[in-house]
Amino acid sequence: LSPETFVDEILVKRYNAKSLACGFNYRFGKNASADAKELMKLCAER
């Protein structure tokens, strides 16, 4: 999944996430392309 799809489809749609926590070295998205900084940006937008 793309980083955006993971946040929107899994975290928001499936789990109704309003708050997240991850480690400083967390990576996600296809080929671990996104990091904690990217997740912070996606969270700020949502």
ModelCIF file with pLDDT and N, C-alpha, C, O atoms, coordinates in Angstrom:
data_MODEL
#
_entry.id   MODEL 
#
_entity.id                         1 
_entity.type                       polymer 
_entity.pdbx_number_of_molecules   1 
#
_entity_poly.entity_id                      1 
_entity_poly.type                           'polypeptide(L)' 
_entity_poly.nstd_linkage                   no 
_entity_poly.nstd_monomer                   no 
_entity_poly.pdbx_seq_one_letter_code       LSPETFVDEILVKRYNAKSLACGFNYRFGKNASADAKELMKLCAER 
_entity_poly.pdbx_seq_one_letter_code_can   LSPETFVDEILVKRYNAKSLACGFNYRFGKNASADAKELMKLCAER 
_entity_poly.pdbx_strand_id                 A 
#
loop_
_entity_poly_seq.entity_id 
_entity_poly_seq.num 
_entity_poly_seq.mon_id 
_entity_poly_seq.hetero 
1 1  LEU n 
1 2  SER n 
1 3  PRO n 
1 4  GLU n 
1 5  THR n 
1 6  PHE n 
1 7  VAL n 
1 8  ASP n 
1 9  GLU n 
1 10 ILE n 
1 11 LEU n 
1 12 VAL n 
1 13 LYS n 
1 14 ARG n 
1 15 TYR n 
1 16 ASN n 
1 17 ALA n 
1 18 LYS n 
1 19 SER n 
1 20 LEU n 
1 21 ALA n 
1 22 CYS n 
1 23 GLY n 
1 24 PHE n 
1 25 ASN n 
1 26 TYR n 
1 27 ARG n 
1 28 PHE n 
1 29 GLY n 
1 30 LYS n 
1 31 ASN n 
1 32 ALA n 
1 33 SER n 
1 34 ALA n 
1 35 ASP n 
1 36 ALA n 
1 37 LYS n 
1 38 GLU n 
1 39 LEU n 
1 40 MET n 
1 41 LYS n 
1 42 LEU n 
1 43 CYS n 
1 44 ALA n 
1 45 GLU n 
1 46 ARG n 
#
_struct_asym.id          A 
_struct_asym.entity_id   1 
#
loop_
_ma_qa_metric.id 
_ma_qa_metric.mode 
_ma_qa_metric.name 
_ma_qa_metric.software_group_id 
_ma_qa_metric.type 
1 global pLDDT . pLDDT 
2 local  pLDDT . pLDDT 
#
_ma_qa_metric_global.metric_id      1 
_ma_qa_metric_global.metric_value   96.59 
_ma_qa_metric_global.model_id       1 
_ma_qa_metric_global.ordinal_id     1 
#
loop_
_ma_qa_metric_local.label_asym_id 
_ma_qa_metric_local.label_comp_id 
_ma_qa_metric_local.label_seq_id 
_ma_qa_metric_local.metric_id 
_ma_qa_metric_local.metric_value 
_ma_qa_metric_local.model_id 
_ma_qa_metric_local.ordinal_id 
A LEU 1  2 96.00 1 1  
A SER 2  2 97.00 1 2  
A PRO 3  2 97.00 1 3  
A GLU 4  2 97.00 1 4  
A THR 5  2 97.00 1 5  
A PHE 6  2 97.00 1 6  
A VAL 7  2 98.00 1 7  
A ASP 8  2 97.00 1 8  
A GLU 9  2 97.00 1 9  
A ILE 10 2 97.00 1 10 
A LEU 11 2 97.00 1 11 
A VAL 12 2 97.00 1 12 
A LYS 13 2 97.00 1 13 
A ARG 14 2 97.00 1 14 
A TYR 15 2 97.00 1 15 
A ASN 16 2 97.00 1 16 
A ALA 17 2 97.00 1 17 
A LYS 18 2 97.00 1 18 
A SER 19 2 97.00 1 19 
A LEU 20 2 98.00 1 20 
A ALA 21 2 98.00 1 21 
A CYS 22 2 98.00 1 22 
A GLY 23 2 97.00 1 23 
A PHE 24 2 95.00 1 24 
A ASN 25 2 95.00 1 25 
A TYR 26 2 96.00 1 26 
A ARG 27 2 95.00 1 27 
A PHE 28 2 95.00 1 28 
A GLY 29 2 94.00 1 29 
A LYS 30 2 94.00 1 30 
A ASN 31 2 92.00 1 31 
A ALA 32 2 92.00 1 32 
A SER 33 2 95.00 1 33 
A ALA 34 2 96.00 1 34 
A ASP 35 2 97.00 1 35 
A ALA 36 2 97.00 1 36 
A LYS 37 2 97.00 1 37 
A GLU 38 2 97.00 1 38 
A LEU 39 2 98.00 1 39 
A MET 40 2 98.00 1 40 
A LYS 41 2 98.00 1 41 
A LEU 42 2 98.00 1 42 
A CYS 43 2 98.00 1 43 
A ALA 44 2 98.00 1 44 
A GLU 45 2 97.00 1 45 
A ARG 46 2 97.00 1 46 
#
loop_
_atom_site.group_PDB 
_atom_site.id 
_atom_site.type_symbol 
_atom_site.label_atom_id 
_atom_site.label_alt_id 
_atom_site.label_comp_id 
_atom_site.label_asym_id 
_atom_site.label_entity_id 
_atom_site.label_seq_id 
_atom_site.pdbx_PDB_ins_code 
_atom_site.Cartn_x 
_atom_site.Cartn_y 
_atom_site.Cartn_z 
_atom_site.occupancy 
_atom_site.B_iso_or_equiv 
_atom_site.pdbx_formal_charge 
_atom_site.auth_seq_id 
_atom_site.auth_comp_id 
_atom_site.auth_asym_id 
_atom_site.auth_atom_id 
_atom_site.pdbx_PDB_model_num 
ATOM 1   N N  . LEU A 1 1  ? 0.837   -1.206 0.000  1.00 96.00 ? 1  LEU A N  1 
ATOM 2   C CA . LEU A 1 1  ? 0.000   0.000  0.000  1.00 96.00 ? 1  LEU A CA 1 
ATOM 3   C C  . LEU A 1 1  ? 0.870   1.253  0.000  1.00 96.00 ? 1  LEU A C  1 
ATOM 4   O O  . LEU A 1 1  ? 1.967   1.265  0.560  1.00 96.00 ? 1  LEU A O  1 
ATOM 5   N N  . SER A 1 2  ? 0.364   2.304  -0.636 1.00 97.00 ? 2  SER A N  1 
ATOM 6   C CA . SER A 1 2  ? 1.059   3.590  -0.541 1.00 97.00 ? 2  SER A CA 1 
ATOM 7   C C  . SER A 1 2  ? 0.893   4.101  0.892  1.00 97.00 ? 2  SER A C  1 
ATOM 8   O O  . SER A 1 2  ? -0.032  3.682  1.588  1.00 97.00 ? 2  SER A O  1 
ATOM 9   N N  . PRO A 1 3  ? 1.778   5.003  1.344  1.00 97.00 ? 3  PRO A N  1 
ATOM 10  C CA . PRO A 1 3  ? 1.638   5.548  2.698  1.00 97.00 ? 3  PRO A CA 1 
ATOM 11  C C  . PRO A 1 3  ? 0.251   6.143  2.950  1.00 97.00 ? 3  PRO A C  1 
ATOM 12  O O  . PRO A 1 3  ? -0.333  5.942  4.015  1.00 97.00 ? 3  PRO A O  1 
ATOM 13  N N  . GLU A 1 4  ? -0.275  6.883  1.953  1.00 97.00 ? 4  GLU A N  1 
ATOM 14  C CA . GLU A 1 4  ? -1.599  7.520  2.107  1.00 97.00 ? 4  GLU A CA 1 
ATOM 15  C C  . GLU A 1 4  ? -2.699  6.471  2.241  1.00 97.00 ? 4  GLU A C  1 
ATOM 16  O O  . GLU A 1 4  ? -3.597  6.603  3.073  1.00 97.00 ? 4  GLU A O  1 
ATOM 17  N N  . THR A 1 5  ? -2.621  5.428  1.414  1.00 97.00 ? 5  THR A N  1 
ATOM 18  C CA . THR A 1 5  ? -3.664  4.381  1.456  1.00 97.00 ? 5  THR A CA 1 
ATOM 19  C C  . THR A 1 5  ? -3.630  3.648  2.792  1.00 97.00 ? 5  THR A C  1 
ATOM 20  O O  . THR A 1 5  ? -4.678  3.331  3.354  1.00 97.00 ? 5  THR A O  1 
ATOM 21  N N  . PHE A 1 6  ? -2.426  3.377  3.304  1.00 97.00 ? 6  PHE A N  1 
ATOM 22  C CA . PHE A 1 6  ? -2.302  2.712  4.598  1.00 97.00 ? 6  PHE A CA 1 
ATOM 23  C C  . PHE A 1 6  ? -2.984  3.538  5.690  1.00 97.00 ? 6  PHE A C  1 
ATOM 24  O O  . PHE A 1 6  ? -3.736  2.998  6.500  1.00 97.00 ? 6  PHE A O  1 
ATOM 25  N N  . VAL A 1 7  ? -2.724  4.841  5.710  1.00 98.00 ? 7  VAL A N  1 
ATOM 26  C CA . VAL A 1 7  ? -3.331  5.709  6.736  1.00 98.00 ? 7  VAL A CA 1 
ATOM 27  C C  . VAL A 1 7  ? -4.844  5.772  6.555  1.00 98.00 ? 7  VAL A C  1 
ATOM 28  O O  . VAL A 1 7  ? -5.599  5.623  7.516  1.00 98.00 ? 7  VAL A O  1 
ATOM 29  N N  . ASP A 1 8  ? -5.283  5.994  5.312  1.00 97.00 ? 8  ASP A N  1 
ATOM 30  C CA . ASP A 1 8  ? -6.722  6.205  5.081  1.00 97.00 ? 8  ASP A CA 1 
ATOM 31  C C  . ASP A 1 8  ? -7.547  4.924  5.194  1.00 97.00 ? 8  ASP A C  1 
ATOM 32  O O  . ASP A 1 8  ? -8.587  4.902  5.851  1.00 97.00 ? 8  ASP A O  1 
ATOM 33  N N  . GLU A 1 9  ? -7.072  3.855  4.546  1.00 97.00 ? 9  GLU A N  1 
ATOM 34  C CA . GLU A 1 9  ? -7.879  2.630  4.481  1.00 97.00 ? 9  GLU A CA 1 
ATOM 35  C C  . GLU A 1 9  ? -7.750  1.755  5.728  1.00 97.00 ? 9  GLU A C  1 
ATOM 36  O O  . GLU A 1 9  ? -8.730  1.172  6.192  1.00 97.00 ? 9  GLU A O  1 
ATOM 37  N N  . ILE A 1 10 ? -6.547  1.671  6.258  1.00 97.00 ? 10 ILE A N  1 
ATOM 38  C CA . ILE A 1 10 ? -6.332  0.774  7.408  1.00 97.00 ? 10 ILE A CA 1 
ATOM 39  C C  . ILE A 1 10 ? -6.531  1.528  8.726  1.00 97.00 ? 10 ILE A C  1 
ATOM 40  O O  . ILE A 1 10 ? -7.378  1.153  9.537  1.00 97.00 ? 10 ILE A O  1 
ATOM 41  N N  . LEU A 1 11 ? -5.762  2.574  8.933  1.00 97.00 ? 11 LEU A N  1 
ATOM 42  C CA . LEU A 1 11 ? -5.789  3.244  10.243 1.00 97.00 ? 11 LEU A CA 1 
ATOM 43  C C  . LEU A 1 11 ? -7.091  3.999  10.475 1.00 97.00 ? 11 LEU A C  1 
ATOM 44  O O  . LEU A 1 11 ? -7.700  3.869  11.537 1.00 97.00 ? 11 LEU A O  1 
ATOM 45  N N  . VAL A 1 12 ? -7.526  4.794  9.483  1.00 97.00 ? 12 VAL A N  1 
ATOM 46  C CA . VAL A 1 12 ? -8.722  5.626  9.689  1.00 97.00 ? 12 VAL A CA 1 
ATOM 47  C C  . VAL A 1 12 ? -10.002 4.819  9.477  1.00 97.00 ? 12 VAL A C  1 
ATOM 48  O O  . VAL A 1 12 ? -10.867 4.766  10.352 1.00 97.00 ? 12 VAL A O  1 
ATOM 49  N N  . LYS A 1 13 ? -10.111 4.187  8.299  1.00 97.00 ? 13 LYS A N  1 
ATOM 50  C CA . LYS A 1 13 ? -11.365 3.505  7.947  1.00 97.00 ? 13 LYS A CA 1 
ATOM 51  C C  . LYS A 1 13 ? -11.604 2.266  8.813  1.00 97.00 ? 13 LYS A C  1 
ATOM 52  O O  . LYS A 1 13 ? -12.697 2.068  9.343  1.00 97.00 ? 13 LYS A O  1 
ATOM 53  N N  . ARG A 1 14 ? -10.559 1.431  8.948  1.00 97.00 ? 14 ARG A N  1 
ATOM 54  C CA . ARG A 1 14 ? -10.750 0.164  9.667  1.00 97.00 ? 14 ARG A CA 1 
ATOM 55  C C  . ARG A 1 14 ? -10.738 0.347  11.180 1.00 97.00 ? 14 ARG A C  1 
ATOM 56  O O  . ARG A 1 14 ? -11.544 -0.256 11.889 1.00 97.00 ? 14 ARG A O  1 
ATOM 57  N N  . TYR A 1 15 ? -9.828  1.174  11.670 1.00 97.00 ? 15 TYR A N  1 
ATOM 58  C CA . TYR A 1 15 ? -9.650  1.246  13.135 1.00 97.00 ? 15 TYR A CA 1 
ATOM 59  C C  . TYR A 1 15 ? -10.102 2.567  13.758 1.00 97.00 ? 15 TYR A C  1 
ATOM 60  O O  . TYR A 1 15 ? -10.040 2.732  14.976 1.00 97.00 ? 15 TYR A O  1 
ATOM 61  N N  . ASN A 1 16 ? -10.558 3.510  12.923 1.00 97.00 ? 16 ASN A N  1 
ATOM 62  C CA . ASN A 1 16 ? -11.029 4.809  13.436 1.00 97.00 ? 16 ASN A CA 1 
ATOM 63  C C  . ASN A 1 16 ? -9.961  5.481  14.302 1.00 97.00 ? 16 ASN A C  1 
ATOM 64  O O  . ASN A 1 16 ? -10.244 5.983  15.389 1.00 97.00 ? 16 ASN A O  1 
ATOM 65  N N  . ALA A 1 17 ? -8.720  5.475  13.787 1.00 97.00 ? 17 ALA A N  1 
ATOM 66  C CA . ALA A 1 17 ? -7.593  6.039  14.543 1.00 97.00 ? 17 ALA A CA 1 
ATOM 67  C C  . ALA A 1 17 ? -7.704  7.546  14.684 1.00 97.00 ? 17 ALA A C  1 
ATOM 68  O O  . ALA A 1 17 ? -7.852  8.265  13.696 1.00 97.00 ? 17 ALA A O  1 
ATOM 69  N N  . LYS A 1 18 ? -7.633  8.017  15.921 1.00 97.00 ? 18 LYS A N  1 
ATOM 70  C CA . LYS A 1 18 ? -7.617  9.466  16.216 1.00 97.00 ? 18 LYS A CA 1 
ATOM 71  C C  . LYS A 1 18 ? -6.270  9.867  16.799 1.00 97.00 ? 18 LYS A C  1 
ATOM 72  O O  . LYS A 1 18 ? -5.928  11.049 16.843 1.00 97.00 ? 18 LYS A O  1 
ATOM 73  N N  . SER A 1 19 ? -5.508  8.867  17.248 1.00 97.00 ? 19 SER A N  1 
ATOM 74  C CA . SER A 1 19 ? -4.197  9.120  17.833 1.00 97.00 ? 19 SER A CA 1 
ATOM 75  C C  . SER A 1 19 ? -3.282  7.948  17.492 1.00 97.00 ? 19 SER A C  1 
ATOM 76  O O  . SER A 1 19 ? -3.697  6.791  17.559 1.00 97.00 ? 19 SER A O  1 
ATOM 77  N N  . LEU A 1 20 ? -2.035  8.249  17.125 1.00 98.00 ? 20 LEU A N  1 
ATOM 78  C CA . LEU A 1 20 ? -1.067  7.214  16.774 1.00 98.00 ? 20 LEU A CA 1 
ATOM 79  C C  . LEU A 1 20 ? 0.204   7.399  17.587 1.00 98.00 ? 20 LEU A C  1 
ATOM 80  O O  . LEU A 1 20 ? 0.501   8.494  18.066 1.00 98.00 ? 20 LEU A O  1 
ATOM 81  N N  . ALA A 1 21 ? 0.946   6.313  17.731 1.00 98.00 ? 21 ALA A N  1 
ATOM 82  C CA . ALA A 1 21 ? 2.302   6.408  18.278 1.00 98.00 ? 21 ALA A CA 1 
ATOM 83  C C  . ALA A 1 21 ? 3.180   5.443  17.494 1.00 98.00 ? 21 ALA A C  1 
ATOM 84  O O  . ALA A 1 21 ? 2.746   4.354  17.119 1.00 98.00 ? 21 ALA A O  1 
ATOM 85  N N  . CYS A 1 22 ? 4.429   5.859  17.251 1.00 98.00 ? 22 CYS A N  1 
ATOM 86  C CA . CYS A 1 22 ? 5.387   4.992  16.583 1.00 98.00 ? 22 CYS A CA 1 
ATOM 87  C C  . CYS A 1 22 ? 6.782   5.343  17.089 1.00 98.00 ? 22 CYS A C  1 
ATOM 88  O O  . CYS A 1 22 ? 6.973   6.372  17.737 1.00 98.00 ? 22 CYS A O  1 
ATOM 89  N N  . GLY A 1 23 ? 7.741   4.495  16.794 1.00 97.00 ? 23 GLY A N  1 
ATOM 90  C CA . GLY A 1 23 ? 9.119   4.765  17.170 1.00 97.00 ? 23 GLY A CA 1 
ATOM 91  C C  . GLY A 1 23 ? 9.779   5.717  16.187 1.00 97.00 ? 23 GLY A C  1 
ATOM 92  O O  . GLY A 1 23 ? 9.281   5.923  15.080 1.00 97.00 ? 23 GLY A O  1 
ATOM 93  N N  . PHE A 1 24 ? 10.893  6.291  16.591 1.00 95.00 ? 24 PHE A N  1 
ATOM 94  C CA . PHE A 1 24 ? 11.629  7.256  15.763 1.00 95.00 ? 24 PHE A CA 1 
ATOM 95  C C  . PHE A 1 24 ? 12.068  6.668  14.422 1.00 95.00 ? 24 PHE A C  1 
ATOM 96  O O  . PHE A 1 24 ? 12.237  7.398  13.445 1.00 95.00 ? 24 PHE A O  1 
ATOM 97  N N  . ASN A 1 25 ? 12.255  5.330  14.376 1.00 95.00 ? 25 ASN A N  1 
ATOM 98  C CA . ASN A 1 25 ? 12.762  4.681  13.155 1.00 95.00 ? 25 ASN A CA 1 
ATOM 99  C C  . ASN A 1 25 ? 11.670  3.912  12.409 1.00 95.00 ? 25 ASN A C  1 
ATOM 100 O O  . ASN A 1 25 ? 11.974  3.033  11.603 1.00 95.00 ? 25 ASN A O  1 
ATOM 101 N N  . TYR A 1 26 ? 10.409  4.237  12.670 1.00 96.00 ? 26 TYR A N  1 
ATOM 102 C CA . TYR A 1 26 ? 9.283   3.534  12.031 1.00 96.00 ? 26 TYR A CA 1 
ATOM 103 C C  . TYR A 1 26 ? 9.273   3.813  10.534 1.00 96.00 ? 26 TYR A C  1 
ATOM 104 O O  . TYR A 1 26 ? 9.472   4.947  10.100 1.00 96.00 ? 26 TYR A O  1 
ATOM 105 N N  . ARG A 1 27 ? 9.037   2.759  9.748  1.00 95.00 ? 27 ARG A N  1 
ATOM 106 C CA . ARG A 1 27 ? 8.896   2.917  8.299  1.00 95.00 ? 27 ARG A CA 1 
ATOM 107 C C  . ARG A 1 27 ? 7.650   2.161  7.844  1.00 95.00 ? 27 ARG A C  1 
ATOM 108 O O  . ARG A 1 27 ? 7.270   1.151  8.436  1.00 95.00 ? 27 ARG A O  1 
ATOM 109 N N  . PHE A 1 28 ? 7.022   2.666  6.787  1.00 95.00 ? 28 PHE A N  1 
ATOM 110 C CA . PHE A 1 28 ? 5.790   2.043  6.305  1.00 95.00 ? 28 PHE A CA 1 
ATOM 111 C C  . PHE A 1 28 ? 5.605   2.392  4.830  1.00 95.00 ? 28 PHE A C  1 
ATOM 112 O O  . PHE A 1 28 ? 6.397   3.132  4.247  1.00 95.00 ? 28 PHE A O  1 
ATOM 113 N N  . GLY A 1 29 ? 4.530   1.839  4.234  1.00 94.00 ? 29 GLY A N  1 
ATOM 114 C CA . GLY A 1 29 ? 4.288   2.050  2.809  1.00 94.00 ? 29 GLY A CA 1 
ATOM 115 C C  . GLY A 1 29 ? 5.105   1.096  1.969  1.00 94.00 ? 29 GLY A C  1 
ATOM 116 O O  . GLY A 1 29 ? 6.015   0.434  2.470  1.00 94.00 ? 29 GLY A O  1 
ATOM 117 N N  . LYS A 1 30 ? 4.778   1.024  0.678  1.00 94.00 ? 30 LYS A N  1 
ATOM 118 C CA . LYS A 1 30 ? 5.445   0.092  -0.232 1.00 94.00 ? 30 LYS A CA 1 
ATOM 119 C C  . LYS A 1 30 ? 6.963   0.294  -0.199 1.00 94.00 ? 30 LYS A C  1 
ATOM 120 O O  . LYS A 1 30 ? 7.450   1.421  -0.279 1.00 94.00 ? 30 LYS A O  1 
ATOM 121 N N  . ASN A 1 31 ? 7.701   -0.815 -0.080 1.00 92.00 ? 31 ASN A N  1 
ATOM 122 C CA . ASN A 1 31 ? 9.168   -0.800 0.015  1.00 92.00 ? 31 ASN A CA 1 
ATOM 123 C C  . ASN A 1 31 ? 9.670   0.055  1.182  1.00 92.00 ? 31 ASN A C  1 
ATOM 124 O O  . ASN A 1 31 ? 10.767  0.609  1.127  1.00 92.00 ? 31 ASN A O  1 
ATOM 125 N N  . ALA A 1 32 ? 8.852   0.156  2.242  1.00 92.00 ? 32 ALA A N  1 
ATOM 126 C CA . ALA A 1 32 ? 9.214   0.962  3.429  1.00 92.00 ? 32 ALA A CA 1 
ATOM 127 C C  . ALA A 1 32 ? 9.647   2.368  3.017  1.00 92.00 ? 32 ALA A C  1 
ATOM 128 O O  . ALA A 1 32 ? 10.626  2.913  3.527  1.00 92.00 ? 32 ALA A O  1 
ATOM 129 N N  . SER A 1 33 ? 8.880   2.943  2.068  1.00 95.00 ? 33 SER A N  1 
ATOM 130 C CA . SER A 1 33 ? 9.279   4.217  1.460  1.00 95.00 ? 33 SER A CA 1 
ATOM 131 C C  . SER A 1 33 ? 9.050   5.427  2.369  1.00 95.00 ? 33 SER A C  1 
ATOM 132 O O  . SER A 1 33 ? 9.678   6.467  2.168  1.00 95.00 ? 33 SER A O  1 
ATOM 133 N N  . ALA A 1 34 ? 8.169   5.313  3.360  1.00 96.00 ? 34 ALA A N  1 
ATOM 134 C CA . ALA A 1 34 ? 7.837   6.465  4.210  1.00 96.00 ? 34 ALA A CA 1 
ATOM 135 C C  . ALA A 1 34 ? 8.366   6.263  5.625  1.00 96.00 ? 34 ALA A C  1 
ATOM 136 O O  . ALA A 1 34 ? 8.479   5.137  6.108  1.00 96.00 ? 34 ALA A O  1 
ATOM 137 N N  . ASP A 1 35 ? 8.692   7.387  6.284  1.00 97.00 ? 35 ASP A N  1 
ATOM 138 C CA . ASP A 1 35 ? 9.214   7.320  7.652  1.00 97.00 ? 35 ASP A CA 1 
ATOM 139 C C  . ASP A 1 35 ? 8.306   8.066  8.626  1.00 97.00 ? 35 ASP A C  1 
ATOM 140 O O  . ASP A 1 35 ? 7.215   8.504  8.259  1.00 97.00 ? 35 ASP A O  1 
ATOM 141 N N  . ALA A 1 36 ? 8.761   8.206  9.863  1.00 97.00 ? 36 ALA A N  1 
ATOM 142 C CA . ALA A 1 36 ? 7.941   8.851  10.905 1.00 97.00 ? 36 ALA A CA 1 
ATOM 143 C C  . ALA A 1 36 ? 7.614   10.297 10.545 1.00 97.00 ? 36 ALA A C  1 
ATOM 144 O O  . ALA A 1 36 ? 6.536   10.791 10.875 1.00 97.00 ? 36 ALA A O  1 
ATOM 145 N N  . LYS A 1 37 ? 8.545   10.979 9.868  1.00 97.00 ? 37 LYS A N  1 
ATOM 146 C CA . LYS A 1 37 ? 8.327   12.376 9.462  1.00 97.00 ? 37 LYS A CA 1 
ATOM 147 C C  . LYS A 1 37 ? 7.158   12.465 8.473  1.00 97.00 ? 37 LYS A C  1 
ATOM 148 O O  . LYS A 1 37 ? 6.310   13.353 8.563  1.00 97.00 ? 37 LYS A O  1 
ATOM 149 N N  . GLU A 1 38 ? 7.142   11.521 7.529  1.00 97.00 ? 38 GLU A N  1 
ATOM 150 C CA . GLU A 1 38 ? 6.066   11.457 6.536  1.00 97.00 ? 38 GLU A CA 1 
ATOM 151 C C  . GLU A 1 38 ? 4.732   11.156 7.232  1.00 97.00 ? 38 GLU A C  1 
ATOM 152 O O  . GLU A 1 38 ? 3.697   11.717 6.872  1.00 97.00 ? 38 GLU A O  1 
ATOM 153 N N  . LEU A 1 39 ? 4.767   10.266 8.229  1.00 98.00 ? 39 LEU A N  1 
ATOM 154 C CA . LEU A 1 39 ? 3.544   9.938  8.963  1.00 98.00 ? 39 LEU A CA 1 
ATOM 155 C C  . LEU A 1 39 ? 3.021   11.170 9.718  1.00 98.00 ? 39 LEU A C  1 
ATOM 156 O O  . LEU A 1 39 ? 1.812   11.395 9.782  1.00 98.00 ? 39 LEU A O  1 
ATOM 157 N N  . MET A 1 40 ? 3.929   11.956 10.283 1.00 98.00 ? 40 MET A N  1 
ATOM 158 C CA . MET A 1 40 ? 3.524   13.184 10.978 1.00 98.00 ? 40 MET A CA 1 
ATOM 159 C C  . MET A 1 40 ? 2.806   14.135 10.018 1.00 98.00 ? 40 MET A C  1 
ATOM 160 O O  . MET A 1 40 ? 1.810   14.761 10.383 1.00 98.00 ? 40 MET A O  1 
ATOM 161 N N  . LYS A 1 41 ? 3.318   14.237 8.791  1.00 98.00 ? 41 LYS A N  1 
ATOM 162 C CA . LYS A 1 41 ? 2.720   15.115 7.767  1.00 98.00 ? 41 LYS A CA 1 
ATOM 163 C C  . LYS A 1 41 ? 1.313   14.621 7.411  1.00 98.00 ? 41 LYS A C  1 
ATOM 164 O O  . LYS A 1 41 ? 0.368   15.407 7.350  1.00 98.00 ? 41 LYS A O  1 
ATOM 165 N N  . LEU A 1 42 ? 1.186   13.292 7.175  1.00 98.00 ? 42 LEU A N  1 
ATOM 166 C CA . LEU A 1 42 ? -0.121  12.728 6.820  1.00 98.00 ? 42 LEU A CA 1 
ATOM 167 C C  . LEU A 1 42 ? -1.125  12.909 7.961  1.00 98.00 ? 42 LEU A C  1 
ATOM 168 O O  . LEU A 1 42 ? -2.306  13.161 7.725  1.00 98.00 ? 42 LEU A O  1 
ATOM 169 N N  . CYS A 1 43 ? -0.642  12.776 9.199  1.00 98.00 ? 43 CYS A N  1 
ATOM 170 C CA . CYS A 1 43 ? -1.515  12.941 10.368 1.00 98.00 ? 43 CYS A CA 1 
ATOM 171 C C  . CYS A 1 43 ? -1.971  14.388 10.511 1.00 98.00 ? 43 CYS A C  1 
ATOM 172 O O  . CYS A 1 43 ? -3.129  14.649 10.835 1.00 98.00 ? 43 CYS A O  1 
ATOM 173 N N  . ALA A 1 44 ? -1.065  15.321 10.269 1.00 98.00 ? 44 ALA A N  1 
ATOM 174 C CA . ALA A 1 44 ? -1.413  16.751 10.372 1.00 98.00 ? 44 ALA A CA 1 
ATOM 175 C C  . ALA A 1 44 ? -2.521  17.093 9.379  1.00 98.00 ? 44 ALA A C  1 
ATOM 176 O O  . ALA A 1 44 ? -3.445  17.841 9.701  1.00 98.00 ? 44 ALA A O  1 
ATOM 177 N N  . GLU A 1 45 ? -2.420  16.538 8.165  1.00 97.00 ? 45 GLU A N  1 
ATOM 178 C CA . GLU A 1 45 ? -3.439  16.803 7.129  1.00 97.00 ? 45 GLU A CA 1 
ATOM 179 C C  . GLU A 1 45 ? -4.800  16.218 7.515  1.00 97.00 ? 45 GLU A C  1 
ATOM 180 O O  . GLU A 1 45 ? -5.841  16.714 7.084  1.00 97.00 ? 45 GLU A O  1 
ATOM 181 N N  . ARG A 1 46 ? -4.781  15.168 8.324  1.00 97.00 ? 46 ARG A N  1 
ATOM 182 C CA . ARG A 1 46 ? -6.037  14.475 8.680  1.00 97.00 ? 46 ARG A CA 1 
ATOM 183 C C  . ARG A 1 46 ? -6.472  14.755 10.124 1.00 97.00 ? 46 ARG A C  1 
ATOM 184 O O  . ARG A 1 46 ? -7.501  14.247 10.568 1.00 97.00 ? 46 ARG A O  1 
#
